[in-house]
Amino acid sequence: MVCGVLFCALYTVMAQARDAEGRYADSPHSEWFKSQHNAEGQWCCDHSDGHAYYGGYAPNADGSITVELDGKPHVIPKHMVLTGPNPTGHAVWWYIDGSLYGHIDYCFAPGTLS
């Protein structure tokens, strides 16, 4: 029980967006970024953690997505892959990298594949 409470508190702190200064408030897609949640209901964070992704990615049969991270295949689980419309036109990958906990994925919104 104590471990579960500690994990929830830690996850809440880690999931806070880093845009306290409002740097992305003028983005034409600001409201879209603010409203995104993955299939488990977890907030994707804001534009501050949503990175435009122009690299290659592959949808997998189970609904997950494979991208390249540090020169290696990296699988983003199905529950983190957004299925609604993406107004940016390019893929968006929500993550934090280089924190005390290493790379942490939140969500991935596929772009328009050509």
PDB file of N, CA and C in Angstrom:
ATOM      1  N   MET A   1       0.826  -1.185   0.000  1.00  0.00           N
ATOM      2  CA  MET A   1       0.000   0.000   0.000  1.00  0.00           C
ATOM      3  C   MET A   1       0.878   1.260   0.000  1.00  0.00           C
ATOM      4  N   VAL A   2       1.854   1.300   0.894  1.00  0.00           N
ATOM      5  CA  VAL A   2       2.743   2.462   0.967  1.00  0.00           C
ATOM      6  C   VAL A   2       3.501   2.611  -0.345  1.00  0.00           C
ATOM      7  N   CYS A   3       3.927   1.488  -0.919  1.00  0.00           N
ATOM      8  CA  CYS A   3       4.659   1.516  -2.179  1.00  0.00           C
ATOM      9  C   CYS A   3       3.783   2.091  -3.289  1.00  0.00           C
ATOM     10  N   GLY A   4       2.509   1.703  -3.322  1.00  0.00           N
ATOM     11  CA  GLY A   4       1.579   2.204  -4.331  1.00  0.00           C
ATOM     12  C   GLY A   4       1.364   3.701  -4.204  1.00  0.00           C
ATOM     13  N   VAL A   5       1.220   4.196  -2.981  1.00  0.00           N
ATOM     14  CA  VAL A   5       1.045   5.629  -2.749  1.00  0.00           C
ATOM     15  C   VAL A   5       2.299   6.384  -3.166  1.00  0.00           C
ATOM     16  N   LEU A   6       3.454   5.853  -2.824  1.00  0.00           N
ATOM     17  CA  LEU A   6       4.716   6.485  -3.200  1.00  0.00           C
ATOM     18  C   LEU A   6       4.853   6.546  -4.717  1.00  0.00           C
ATOM     19  N   PHE A   7       4.509   5.453  -5.418  1.00  0.00           N
ATOM     20  CA  PHE A   7       4.599   5.437  -6.879  1.00  0.00           C
ATOM     21  C   PHE A   7       3.667   6.486  -7.483  1.00  0.00           C
ATOM     22  N   CYS A   8       2.433   6.570  -6.992  1.00  0.00           N
ATOM     23  CA  CYS A   8       1.476   7.554  -7.512  1.00  0.00           C
ATOM     24  C   CYS A   8       1.990   8.970  -7.311  1.00  0.00           C
ATOM     25  N   ALA A   9       2.542   9.256  -6.150  1.00  0.00           N
ATOM     26  CA  ALA A   9       3.077  10.592  -5.875  1.00  0.00           C
ATOM     27  C   ALA A   9       4.255  10.898  -6.790  1.00  0.00           C
ATOM     28  N   LEU A  10       5.123   9.931  -6.981  1.00  0.00           N
ATOM     29  CA  LEU A  10       6.279  10.109  -7.842  1.00  0.00           C
ATOM     30  C   LEU A  10       5.846  10.298  -9.292  1.00  0.00           C
ATOM     31  N   TYR A  11       4.887   9.500  -9.754  1.00  0.00           N
ATOM     32  CA  TYR A  11       4.418   9.608 -11.134  1.00  0.00           C
ATOM     33  C   TYR A  11       3.774  10.971 -11.372  1.00  0.00           C
ATOM     34  N   THR A  12       3.017  11.471 -10.415  1.00  0.00           N
ATOM     35  CA  THR A  12       2.380  12.778 -10.544  1.00  0.00           C
ATOM     36  C   THR A  12       3.421  13.868 -10.711  1.00  0.00           C
ATOM     37  N   VAL A  13       4.486  13.819  -9.947  1.00  0.00           N
ATOM     38  CA  VAL A  13       5.549  14.804 -10.061  1.00  0.00           C
ATOM     39  C   VAL A  13       6.240  14.687 -11.413  1.00  0.00           C
ATOM     40  N   MET A  14       6.517  13.461 -11.850  1.00  0.00           N
ATOM     41  CA  MET A  14       7.213  13.261 -13.117  1.00  0.00           C
ATOM     42  C   MET A  14       6.354  13.690 -14.297  1.00  0.00           C
ATOM     43  N   ALA A  15       5.032  13.571 -14.196  1.00  0.00           N
ATOM     44  CA  ALA A  15       4.158  13.829 -15.335  1.00  0.00           C
ATOM     45  C   ALA A  15       3.815  15.299 -15.509  1.00  0.00           C
ATOM     46  N   GLN A  16       4.275  16.159 -14.630  1.00  0.00           N
ATOM     47  CA  GLN A  16       3.973  17.573 -14.782  1.00  0.00           C
ATOM     48  C   GLN A  16       4.725  18.135 -15.976  1.00  0.00           C
ATOM     49  N   ALA A  17       4.015  18.933 -16.761  1.00  0.00           N
ATOM     50  CA  ALA A  17       4.643  19.548 -17.934  1.00  0.00           C
ATOM     51  C   ALA A  17       5.680  20.564 -17.486  1.00  0.00           C
ATOM     52  N   ARG A  18       6.661  20.799 -18.351  1.00  0.00           N
ATOM     53  CA  ARG A  18       7.753  21.696 -18.014  1.00  0.00           C
ATOM     54  C   ARG A  18       7.533  23.115 -18.543  1.00  0.00           C
ATOM     55  N   ASP A  19       6.348  23.440 -19.009  1.00  0.00           N
ATOM     56  CA  ASP A  19       6.108  24.729 -19.642  1.00  0.00           C
ATOM     57  C   ASP A  19       5.511  25.751 -18.678  1.00  0.00           C
ATOM     58  N   ALA A  20       6.119  25.926 -17.543  1.00  0.00           N
ATOM     59  CA  ALA A  20       5.610  26.858 -16.541  1.00  0.00           C
ATOM     60  C   ALA A  20       5.623  28.303 -17.039  1.00  0.00           C
ATOM     61  N   GLU A  21       6.489  28.617 -18.001  1.00  0.00           N
ATOM     62  CA  GLU A  21       6.590  29.983 -18.502  1.00  0.00           C
ATOM     63  C   GLU A  21       5.575  30.285 -19.597  1.00  0.00           C
ATOM     64  N   GLY A  22       4.819  29.310 -20.078  1.00  0.00           N
ATOM     65  CA  GLY A  22       3.846  29.530 -21.134  1.00  0.00           C
ATOM     66  C   GLY A  22       4.466  29.731 -22.505  1.00  0.00           C
ATOM     67  N   ARG A  23       5.629  29.158 -22.742  1.00  0.00           N
ATOM     68  CA  ARG A  23       6.318  29.333 -24.027  1.00  0.00           C
ATOM     69  C   ARG A  23       5.497  28.869 -25.212  1.00  0.00           C
ATOM     70  N   TYR A  24       4.604  27.921 -25.015  1.00  0.00           N
ATOM     71  CA  TYR A  24       3.862  27.348 -26.127  1.00  0.00           C
ATOM     72  C   TYR A  24       2.406  27.804 -26.147  1.00  0.00           C
ATOM     73  N   ALA A  25       2.071  28.782 -25.367  1.00  0.00           N
ATOM     74  CA  ALA A  25       0.685  29.245 -25.274  1.00  0.00           C
ATOM     75  C   ALA A  25       0.168  29.786 -26.607  1.00  0.00           C
ATOM     76  N   ASP A  26       1.045  30.305 -27.463  1.00  0.00           N
ATOM     77  CA  ASP A  26       0.619  30.867 -28.741  1.00  0.00           C
ATOM     78  C   ASP A  26       0.610  29.847 -29.871  1.00  0.00           C
ATOM     79  N   SER A  27       0.872  28.591 -29.588  1.00  0.00           N
ATOM     80  CA  SER A  27       0.845  27.558 -30.616  1.00  0.00           C
ATOM     81  C   SER A  27      -0.574  27.442 -31.171  1.00  0.00           C
ATOM     82  N   PRO A  28      -0.721  27.325 -32.493  1.00  0.00           N
ATOM     83  CA  PRO A  28      -2.073  27.160 -33.046  1.00  0.00           C
ATOM     84  C   PRO A  28      -2.733  25.853 -32.602  1.00  0.00           C
ATOM     85  N   HIS A  29      -1.949  24.932 -32.068  1.00  0.00           N
ATOM     86  CA  HIS A  29      -2.478  23.641 -31.625  1.00  0.00           C
ATOM     87  C   HIS A  29      -2.419  23.491 -30.108  1.00  0.00           C
ATOM     88  N   SER A  30      -2.313  24.595 -29.405  1.00  0.00           N
ATOM     89  CA  SER A  30      -2.164  24.586 -27.951  1.00  0.00           C
ATOM     90  C   SER A  30      -3.261  23.782 -27.259  1.00  0.00           C
ATOM     91  N   GLU A  31      -4.503  23.991 -27.641  1.00  0.00           N
ATOM     92  CA  GLU A  31      -5.613  23.276 -26.988  1.00  0.00           C
ATOM     93  C   GLU A  31      -5.553  21.778 -27.270  1.00  0.00           C
ATOM     94  N   TRP A  32      -5.134  21.409 -28.478  1.00  0.00           N
ATOM     95  CA  TRP A  32      -5.007  19.990 -28.807  1.00  0.00           C
ATOM     96  C   TRP A  32      -3.952  19.349 -27.909  1.00  0.00           C
ATOM     97  N   PHE A  33      -2.793  19.997 -27.774  1.00  0.00           N
ATOM     98  CA  PHE A  33      -1.741  19.458 -26.916  1.00  0.00           C
ATOM     99  C   PHE A  33      -2.231  19.306 -25.481  1.00  0.00           C
ATOM    100  N   LYS A  34      -2.947  20.287 -24.979  1.00  0.00           N
ATOM    101  CA  LYS A  34      -3.418  20.261 -23.586  1.00  0.00           C
ATOM    102  C   LYS A  34      -4.438  19.163 -23.321  1.00  0.00           C
ATOM    103  N   SER A  35      -5.134  18.712 -24.363  1.00  0.00           N
ATOM    104  CA  SER A  35      -6.242  17.777 -24.152  1.00  0.00           C
ATOM    105  C   SER A  35      -5.888  16.308 -24.392  1.00  0.00           C
ATOM    106  N   GLN A  36      -4.652  15.997 -24.726  1.00  0.00           N
ATOM    107  CA  GLN A  36      -4.308  14.621 -25.091  1.00  0.00           C
ATOM    108  C   GLN A  36      -4.054  13.724 -23.877  1.00  0.00           C
ATOM    109  N   HIS A  37      -4.671  12.551 -23.916  1.00  0.00           N
ATOM    110  CA  HIS A  37      -4.502  11.496 -22.904  1.00  0.00           C
ATOM    111  C   HIS A  37      -4.321  10.171 -23.633  1.00  0.00           C
ATOM    112  N   ASN A  38      -3.526   9.277 -23.053  1.00  0.00           N
ATOM    113  CA  ASN A  38      -3.371   7.962 -23.679  1.00  0.00           C
ATOM    114  C   ASN A  38      -4.552   7.066 -23.309  1.00  0.00           C
ATOM    115  N   ALA A  39      -4.564   5.846 -23.815  1.00  0.00           N
ATOM    116  CA  ALA A  39      -5.690   4.934 -23.616  1.00  0.00           C
ATOM    117  C   ALA A  39      -5.906   4.548 -22.158  1.00  0.00           C
ATOM    118  N   GLU A  40      -4.905   4.748 -21.304  1.00  0.00           N
ATOM    119  CA  GLU A  40      -5.068   4.472 -19.873  1.00  0.00           C
ATOM    120  C   GLU A  40      -5.497   5.715 -19.110  1.00  0.00           C
ATOM    121  N   GLY A  41      -5.780   6.808 -19.837  1.00  0.00           N
ATOM    122  CA  GLY A  41      -6.246   8.036 -19.206  1.00  0.00           C
ATOM    123  C   GLY A  41      -5.144   8.932 -18.686  1.00  0.00           C
ATOM    124  N   GLN A  42      -3.893   8.551 -18.897  1.00  0.00           N
ATOM    125  CA  GLN A  42      -2.774   9.360 -18.415  1.00  0.00           C
ATOM    126  C   GLN A  42      -2.570  10.542 -19.351  1.00  0.00           C
ATOM    127  N   TRP A  43      -2.351  11.712 -18.773  1.00  0.00           N
ATOM    128  CA  TRP A  43      -2.138  12.927 -19.543  1.00  0.00           C
ATOM    129  C   TRP A  43      -0.821  12.823 -20.302  1.00  0.00           C
ATOM    130  N   CYS A  44      -0.815  13.233 -21.557  1.00  0.00           N
ATOM    131  CA  CYS A  44       0.402  13.179 -22.367  1.00  0.00           C
ATOM    132  C   CYS A  44       1.374  14.289 -21.992  1.00  0.00           C
ATOM    133  N   CYS A  45       0.977  15.232 -21.223  1.00  0.00           N
ATOM    134  CA  CYS A  45       1.689  16.454 -20.893  1.00  0.00           C
ATOM    135  C   CYS A  45       1.382  17.478 -21.972  1.00  0.00           C
ATOM    136  N   ASP A  46       2.072  18.553 -21.985  1.00  0.00           N
ATOM    137  CA  ASP A  46       1.731  19.654 -22.866  1.00  0.00           C
ATOM    138  C   ASP A  46       2.704  19.696 -24.030  1.00  0.00           C
ATOM    139  N   HIS A  47       2.691  20.771 -24.759  1.00  0.00           N
ATOM    140  CA  HIS A  47       3.584  20.953 -25.900  1.00  0.00           C
ATOM    141  C   HIS A  47       5.046  20.890 -25.466  1.00  0.00           C
ATOM    142  N   SER A  48       5.315  21.237 -24.220  1.00  0.00           N
ATOM    143  CA  SER A  48       6.695  21.256 -23.732  1.00  0.00           C
ATOM    144  C   SER A  48       7.346  19.877 -23.765  1.00  0.00           C
ATOM    145  N   ASP A  49       6.561  18.829 -23.600  1.00  0.00           N
ATOM    146  CA  ASP A  49       7.099  17.466 -23.648  1.00  0.00           C
ATOM    147  C   ASP A  49       6.725  16.750 -24.937  1.00  0.00           C
ATOM    148  N   GLY A  50       5.950  17.400 -25.784  1.00  0.00           N
ATOM    149  CA  GLY A  50       5.563  16.841 -27.074  1.00  0.00           C
ATOM    150  C   GLY A  50       6.561  17.284 -28.126  1.00  0.00           C
ATOM    151  N   HIS A  51       7.341  16.358 -28.618  1.00  0.00           N
ATOM    152  CA  HIS A  51       8.396  16.673 -29.579  1.00  0.00           C
ATOM    153  C   HIS A  51       7.938  16.312 -30.987  1.00  0.00           C
ATOM    154  N   ALA A  52       8.100  17.240 -31.919  1.00  0.00           N
ATOM    155  CA  ALA A  52       7.829  16.921 -33.316  1.00  0.00           C
ATOM    156  C   ALA A  52       8.761  15.781 -33.701  1.00  0.00           C
ATOM    157  N   TYR A  53       8.202  14.744 -34.318  1.00  0.00           N
ATOM    158  CA  TYR A  53       9.007  13.590 -34.695  1.00  0.00           C
ATOM    159  C   TYR A  53       8.907  13.395 -36.202  1.00  0.00           C
ATOM    160  N   TYR A  54      10.034  13.579 -36.870  1.00  0.00           N
ATOM    161  CA  TYR A  54      10.090  13.456 -38.324  1.00  0.00           C
ATOM    162  C   TYR A  54      10.822  12.191 -38.764  1.00  0.00           C
ATOM    163  N   GLY A  55      11.240  11.381 -37.816  1.00  0.00           N
ATOM    164  CA  GLY A  55      11.927  10.144 -38.138  1.00  0.00           C
ATOM    165  C   GLY A  55      10.948   9.078 -38.611  1.00  0.00           C
ATOM    166  N   GLY A  56      11.511   7.974 -39.045  1.00  0.00           N
ATOM    167  CA  GLY A  56      10.678   6.863 -39.467  1.00  0.00           C
ATOM    168  C   GLY A  56      10.081   6.144 -38.273  1.00  0.00           C
ATOM    169  N   TYR A  57       8.911   5.615 -38.460  1.00  0.00           N
ATOM    170  CA  TYR A  57       8.276   4.791 -37.427  1.00  0.00           C
ATOM    171  C   TYR A  57       7.397   3.770 -38.129  1.00  0.00           C
ATOM    172  N   ALA A  58       7.156   2.682 -37.432  1.00  0.00           N
ATOM    173  CA  ALA A  58       6.375   1.601 -38.013  1.00  0.00           C
ATOM    174  C   ALA A  58       5.283   1.168 -37.057  1.00  0.00           C
ATOM    175  N   PRO A  59       4.033   1.171 -37.524  1.00  0.00           N
ATOM    176  CA  PRO A  59       2.956   0.603 -36.712  1.00  0.00           C
ATOM    177  C   PRO A  59       3.129  -0.909 -36.642  1.00  0.00           C
ATOM    178  N   ASN A  60       2.936  -1.488 -35.496  1.00  0.00           N
ATOM    179  CA  ASN A  60       3.054  -2.929 -35.303  1.00  0.00           C
ATOM    180  C   ASN A  60       1.663  -3.561 -35.253  1.00  0.00           C
ATOM    181  N   ALA A  61       1.584  -4.852 -35.513  1.00  0.00           N
ATOM    182  CA  ALA A  61       0.303  -5.576 -35.557  1.00  0.00           C
ATOM    183  C   ALA A  61      -0.488  -5.455 -34.258  1.00  0.00           C
ATOM    184  N   ASP A  62       0.204  -5.306 -33.124  1.00  0.00           N
ATOM    185  CA  ASP A  62      -0.487  -5.224 -31.835  1.00  0.00           C
ATOM    186  C   ASP A  62      -0.925  -3.803 -31.482  1.00  0.00           C
ATOM    187  N   GLY A  63      -0.702  -2.830 -32.390  1.00  0.00           N
ATOM    188  CA  GLY A  63      -1.107  -1.447 -32.141  1.00  0.00           C
ATOM    189  C   GLY A  63      -0.008  -0.574 -31.568  1.00  0.00           C
ATOM    190  N   SER A  64       1.118  -1.167 -31.224  1.00  0.00           N
ATOM    191  CA  SER A  64       2.253  -0.379 -30.738  1.00  0.00           C
ATOM    192  C   SER A  64       2.954   0.273 -31.934  1.00  0.00           C
ATOM    193  N   ILE A  65       3.915   1.128 -31.650  1.00  0.00           N
ATOM    194  CA  ILE A  65       4.691   1.823 -32.684  1.00  0.00           C
ATOM    195  C   ILE A  65       6.173   1.588 -32.389  1.00  0.00           C
ATOM    196  N   THR A  66       6.955   1.317 -33.428  1.00  0.00           N
ATOM    197  CA  THR A  66       8.395   1.214 -33.270  1.00  0.00           C
ATOM    198  C   THR A  66       9.048   2.440 -33.888  1.00  0.00           C
ATOM    199  N   VAL A  67       9.874   3.121 -33.097  1.00  0.00           N
ATOM    200  CA  VAL A  67      10.641   4.287 -33.533  1.00  0.00           C
ATOM    201  C   VAL A  67      12.111   3.983 -33.288  1.00  0.00           C
ATOM    202  N   GLU A  68      12.965   4.896 -33.682  1.00  0.00           N
ATOM    203  CA  GLU A  68      14.391   4.737 -33.397  1.00  0.00           C
ATOM    204  C   GLU A  68      14.748   5.652 -32.229  1.00  0.00           C
ATOM    205  N   LEU A  69      15.437   5.106 -31.256  1.00  0.00           N
ATOM    206  CA  LEU A  69      15.912   5.859 -30.101  1.00  0.00           C
ATOM    207  C   LEU A  69      17.364   5.482 -29.870  1.00  0.00           C
ATOM    208  N   ASP A  70      18.240   6.446 -29.951  1.00  0.00           N
ATOM    209  CA  ASP A  70      19.673   6.212 -29.778  1.00  0.00           C
ATOM    210  C   ASP A  70      20.201   5.118 -30.711  1.00  0.00           C
ATOM    211  N   GLY A  71      19.700   5.119 -31.949  1.00  0.00           N
ATOM    212  CA  GLY A  71      20.173   4.172 -32.949  1.00  0.00           C
ATOM    213  C   GLY A  71      19.628   2.767 -32.819  1.00  0.00           C
ATOM    214  N   LYS A  72      18.653   2.571 -31.923  1.00  0.00           N
ATOM    215  CA  LYS A  72      18.091   1.239 -31.709  1.00  0.00           C
ATOM    216  C   LYS A  72      16.571   1.303 -31.817  1.00  0.00           C
ATOM    217  N   PRO A  73      15.928   0.199 -32.194  1.00  0.00           N
ATOM    218  CA  PRO A  73      14.465   0.176 -32.211  1.00  0.00           C
ATOM    219  C   PRO A  73      13.917   0.363 -30.794  1.00  0.00           C
ATOM    220  N   HIS A  74      12.882   1.157 -30.701  1.00  0.00           N
ATOM    221  CA  HIS A  74      12.245   1.438 -29.411  1.00  0.00           C
ATOM    222  C   HIS A  74      10.734   1.304 -29.618  1.00  0.00           C
ATOM    223  N   VAL A  75      10.099   0.466 -28.830  1.00  0.00           N
ATOM    224  CA  VAL A  75       8.667   0.226 -28.980  1.00  0.00           C
ATOM    225  C   VAL A  75       7.884   1.093 -27.993  1.00  0.00           C
ATOM    226  N   ILE A  76       6.933   1.829 -28.543  1.00  0.00           N
ATOM    227  CA  ILE A  76       5.995   2.607 -27.727  1.00  0.00           C
ATOM    228  C   ILE A  76       4.730   1.759 -27.623  1.00  0.00           C
ATOM    229  N   PRO A  77       4.335   1.388 -26.404  1.00  0.00           N
ATOM    230  CA  PRO A  77       3.203   0.471 -26.226  1.00  0.00           C
ATOM    231  C   PRO A  77       1.887   1.019 -26.807  1.00  0.00           C
ATOM    232  N   LYS A  78       1.010   0.110 -27.167  1.00  0.00           N
ATOM    233  CA  LYS A  78      -0.277   0.441 -27.787  1.00  0.00           C
ATOM    234  C   LYS A  78      -1.053   1.480 -26.982  1.00  0.00           C
ATOM    235  N   HIS A  79      -1.079   1.362 -25.660  1.00  0.00           N
ATOM    236  CA  HIS A  79      -1.897   2.283 -24.867  1.00  0.00           C
ATOM    237  C   HIS A  79      -1.380   3.723 -24.922  1.00  0.00           C
ATOM    238  N   MET A  80      -0.146   3.923 -25.386  1.00  0.00           N
ATOM    239  CA  MET A  80       0.423   5.265 -25.504  1.00  0.00           C
ATOM    240  C   MET A  80       0.252   5.857 -26.903  1.00  0.00           C
ATOM    241  N   VAL A  81      -0.235   5.054 -27.848  1.00  0.00           N
ATOM    242  CA  VAL A  81      -0.409   5.515 -29.224  1.00  0.00           C
ATOM    243  C   VAL A  81      -1.801   6.131 -29.358  1.00  0.00           C
ATOM    244  N   LEU A  82      -1.834   7.402 -29.715  1.00  0.00           N
ATOM    245  CA  LEU A  82      -3.104   8.110 -29.862  1.00  0.00           C
ATOM    246  C   LEU A  82      -3.749   7.746 -31.192  1.00  0.00           C
ATOM    247  N   THR A  83      -5.058   7.615 -31.191  1.00  0.00           N
ATOM    248  CA  THR A  83      -5.762   7.189 -32.394  1.00  0.00           C
ATOM    249  C   THR A  83      -6.615   8.285 -33.012  1.00  0.00           C
ATOM    250  N   GLY A  84      -6.776   9.403 -32.345  1.00  0.00           N
ATOM    251  CA  GLY A  84      -7.579  10.495 -32.874  1.00  0.00           C
ATOM    252  C   GLY A  84      -6.803  11.335 -33.873  1.00  0.00           C
ATOM    253  N   PRO A  85      -7.468  12.337 -34.451  1.00  0.00           N
ATOM    254  CA  PRO A  85      -6.799  13.191 -35.434  1.00  0.00           C
ATOM    255  C   PRO A  85      -5.651  13.995 -34.823  1.00  0.00           C
ATOM    256  N   ASN A  86      -4.624  14.191 -35.625  1.00  0.00           N
ATOM    257  CA  ASN A  86      -3.448  14.956 -35.217  1.00  0.00           C
ATOM    258  C   ASN A  86      -3.369  16.178 -36.133  1.00  0.00           C
ATOM    259  N   PRO A  87      -3.689  17.372 -35.639  1.00  0.00           N
ATOM    260  CA  PRO A  87      -3.733  18.550 -36.498  1.00  0.00           C
ATOM    261  C   PRO A  87      -2.373  19.087 -36.922  1.00  0.00           C
ATOM    262  N   THR A  88      -1.291  18.566 -36.363  1.00  0.00           N
ATOM    263  CA  THR A  88       0.032  19.105 -36.684  1.00  0.00           C
ATOM    264  C   THR A  88       0.545  18.622 -38.040  1.00  0.00           C
ATOM    265  N   GLY A  89       0.053  17.486 -38.523  1.00  0.00           N
ATOM    266  CA  GLY A  89       0.520  16.931 -39.786  1.00  0.00           C
ATOM    267  C   GLY A  89       1.769  16.076 -39.656  1.00  0.00           C
ATOM    268  N   HIS A  90       2.481  16.180 -38.562  1.00  0.00           N
ATOM    269  CA  HIS A  90       3.673  15.361 -38.332  1.00  0.00           C
ATOM    270  C   HIS A  90       3.466  14.564 -37.055  1.00  0.00           C
ATOM    271  N   ALA A  91       4.247  13.519 -36.892  1.00  0.00           N
ATOM    272  CA  ALA A  91       4.147  12.730 -35.668  1.00  0.00           C
ATOM    273  C   ALA A  91       4.588  13.577 -34.476  1.00  0.00           C
ATOM    274  N   VAL A  92       3.998  13.299 -33.321  1.00  0.00           N
ATOM    275  CA  VAL A  92       4.377  13.966 -32.074  1.00  0.00           C
ATOM    276  C   VAL A  92       4.635  12.873 -31.051  1.00  0.00           C
ATOM    277  N   TRP A  93       5.796  12.969 -30.398  1.00  0.00           N
ATOM    278  CA  TRP A  93       6.196  11.975 -29.402  1.00  0.00           C
ATOM    279  C   TRP A  93       6.373  12.706 -28.086  1.00  0.00           C
ATOM    280  N   TRP A  94       5.553  12.363 -27.115  1.00  0.00           N
ATOM    281  CA  TRP A  94       5.652  12.971 -25.791  1.00  0.00           C
ATOM    282  C   TRP A  94       6.575  12.125 -24.934  1.00  0.00           C
ATOM    283  N   TYR A  95       7.637  12.728 -24.476  1.00  0.00           N
ATOM    284  CA  TYR A  95       8.586  12.025 -23.611  1.00  0.00           C
ATOM    285  C   TYR A  95       9.433  13.031 -22.840  1.00  0.00           C
ATOM    286  N   ILE A  96      10.079  12.513 -21.825  1.00  0.00           N
ATOM    287  CA  ILE A  96      11.109  13.252 -21.105  1.00  0.00           C
ATOM    288  C   ILE A  96      12.358  12.397 -21.200  1.00  0.00           C
ATOM    289  N   ASP A  97      13.475  13.026 -21.486  1.00  0.00           N
ATOM    290  CA  ASP A  97      14.722  12.302 -21.641  1.00  0.00           C
ATOM    291  C   ASP A  97      15.793  12.970 -20.793  1.00  0.00           C
ATOM    292  N   GLY A  98      16.647  12.168 -20.203  1.00  0.00           N
ATOM    293  CA  GLY A  98      17.758  12.705 -19.437  1.00  0.00           C
ATOM    294  C   GLY A  98      17.434  13.028 -17.999  1.00  0.00           C
ATOM    295  N   SER A  99      16.236  12.675 -17.568  1.00  0.00           N
ATOM    296  CA  SER A  99      15.903  12.902 -16.170  1.00  0.00           C
ATOM    297  C   SER A  99      16.578  11.842 -15.307  1.00  0.00           C
ATOM    298  N   LEU A 100      16.383  11.943 -14.028  1.00  0.00           N
ATOM    299  CA  LEU A 100      16.918  10.962 -13.086  1.00  0.00           C
ATOM    300  C   LEU A 100      16.486   9.543 -13.454  1.00  0.00           C
ATOM    301  N   TYR A 101      15.318   9.422 -14.085  1.00  0.00           N
ATOM    302  CA  TYR A 101      14.761   8.112 -14.408  1.00  0.00           C
ATOM    303  C   TYR A 101      15.033   7.693 -15.848  1.00  0.00           C
ATOM    304  N   GLY A 102      15.853   8.427 -16.584  1.00  0.00           N
ATOM    305  CA  GLY A 102      16.158   8.079 -17.970  1.00  0.00           C
ATOM    306  C   GLY A 102      15.051   8.515 -18.908  1.00  0.00           C
ATOM    307  N   HIS A 103      14.864   7.799 -19.987  1.00  0.00           N
ATOM    308  CA  HIS A 103      13.844   8.110 -20.988  1.00  0.00           C
ATOM    309  C   HIS A 103      12.483   7.624 -20.501  1.00  0.00           C
ATOM    310  N   ILE A 104      11.483   8.510 -20.522  1.00  0.00           N
ATOM    311  CA  ILE A 104      10.125   8.156 -20.113  1.00  0.00           C
ATOM    312  C   ILE A 104       9.172   8.563 -21.229  1.00  0.00           C
ATOM    313  N   ASP A 105       8.445   7.604 -21.796  1.00  0.00           N
ATOM    314  CA  ASP A 105       7.430   7.875 -22.809  1.00  0.00           C
ATOM    315  C   ASP A 105       6.107   8.199 -22.135  1.00  0.00           C
ATOM    316  N   TYR A 106       5.330   9.075 -22.794  1.00  0.00           N
ATOM    317  CA  TYR A 106       3.969   9.374 -22.342  1.00  0.00           C
ATOM    318  C   TYR A 106       2.965   8.995 -23.428  1.00  0.00           C
ATOM    319  N   CYS A 107       3.194   9.503 -24.651  1.00  0.00           N
ATOM    320  CA  CYS A 107       2.264   9.276 -25.746  1.00  0.00           C
ATOM    321  C   CYS A 107       2.994   9.406 -27.082  1.00  0.00           C
ATOM    322  N   PHE A 108       2.327   8.922 -28.133  1.00  0.00           N
ATOM    323  CA  PHE A 108       2.826   9.094 -29.498  1.00  0.00           C
ATOM    324  C   PHE A 108       1.619   9.277 -30.400  1.00  0.00           C
ATOM    325  N   ALA A 109       1.608  10.384 -31.149  1.00  0.00           N
ATOM    326  CA  ALA A 109       0.554  10.651 -32.110  1.00  0.00           C
ATOM    327  C   ALA A 109       1.135  10.498 -33.506  1.00  0.00           C
ATOM    328  N   PRO A 110       0.720   9.483 -34.255  1.00  0.00           N
ATOM    329  CA  PRO A 110       1.230   9.342 -35.611  1.00  0.00           C
ATOM    330  C   PRO A 110       0.873  10.570 -36.453  1.00  0.00           C
ATOM    331  N   GLY A 111       1.734  10.865 -37.392  1.00  0.00           N
ATOM    332  CA  GLY A 111       1.466  11.947 -38.327  1.00  0.00           C
ATOM    333  C   GLY A 111       0.820  11.395 -39.581  1.00  0.00           C
ATOM    334  N   THR A 112       0.853  12.169 -40.634  1.00  0.00           N
ATOM    335  CA  THR A 112       0.315  11.722 -41.907  1.00  0.00           C
ATOM    336  C   THR A 112       1.404  10.938 -42.620  1.00  0.00           C
ATOM    337  N   LEU A 113       1.221   9.645 -42.743  1.00  0.00           N
ATOM    338  CA  LEU A 113       2.201   8.814 -43.446  1.00  0.00           C
ATOM    339  C   LEU A 113       1.966   8.926 -44.946  1.00  0.00           C
ATOM    340  N   SER A 114       3.057   9.128 -45.705  1.00  0.00           N
ATOM    341  CA  SER A 114       2.898   9.201 -47.156  1.00  0.00           C
ATOM    342  C   SER A 114       3.321   7.920 -47.810  1.00  0.00           C
TER     343      SER A 114
END
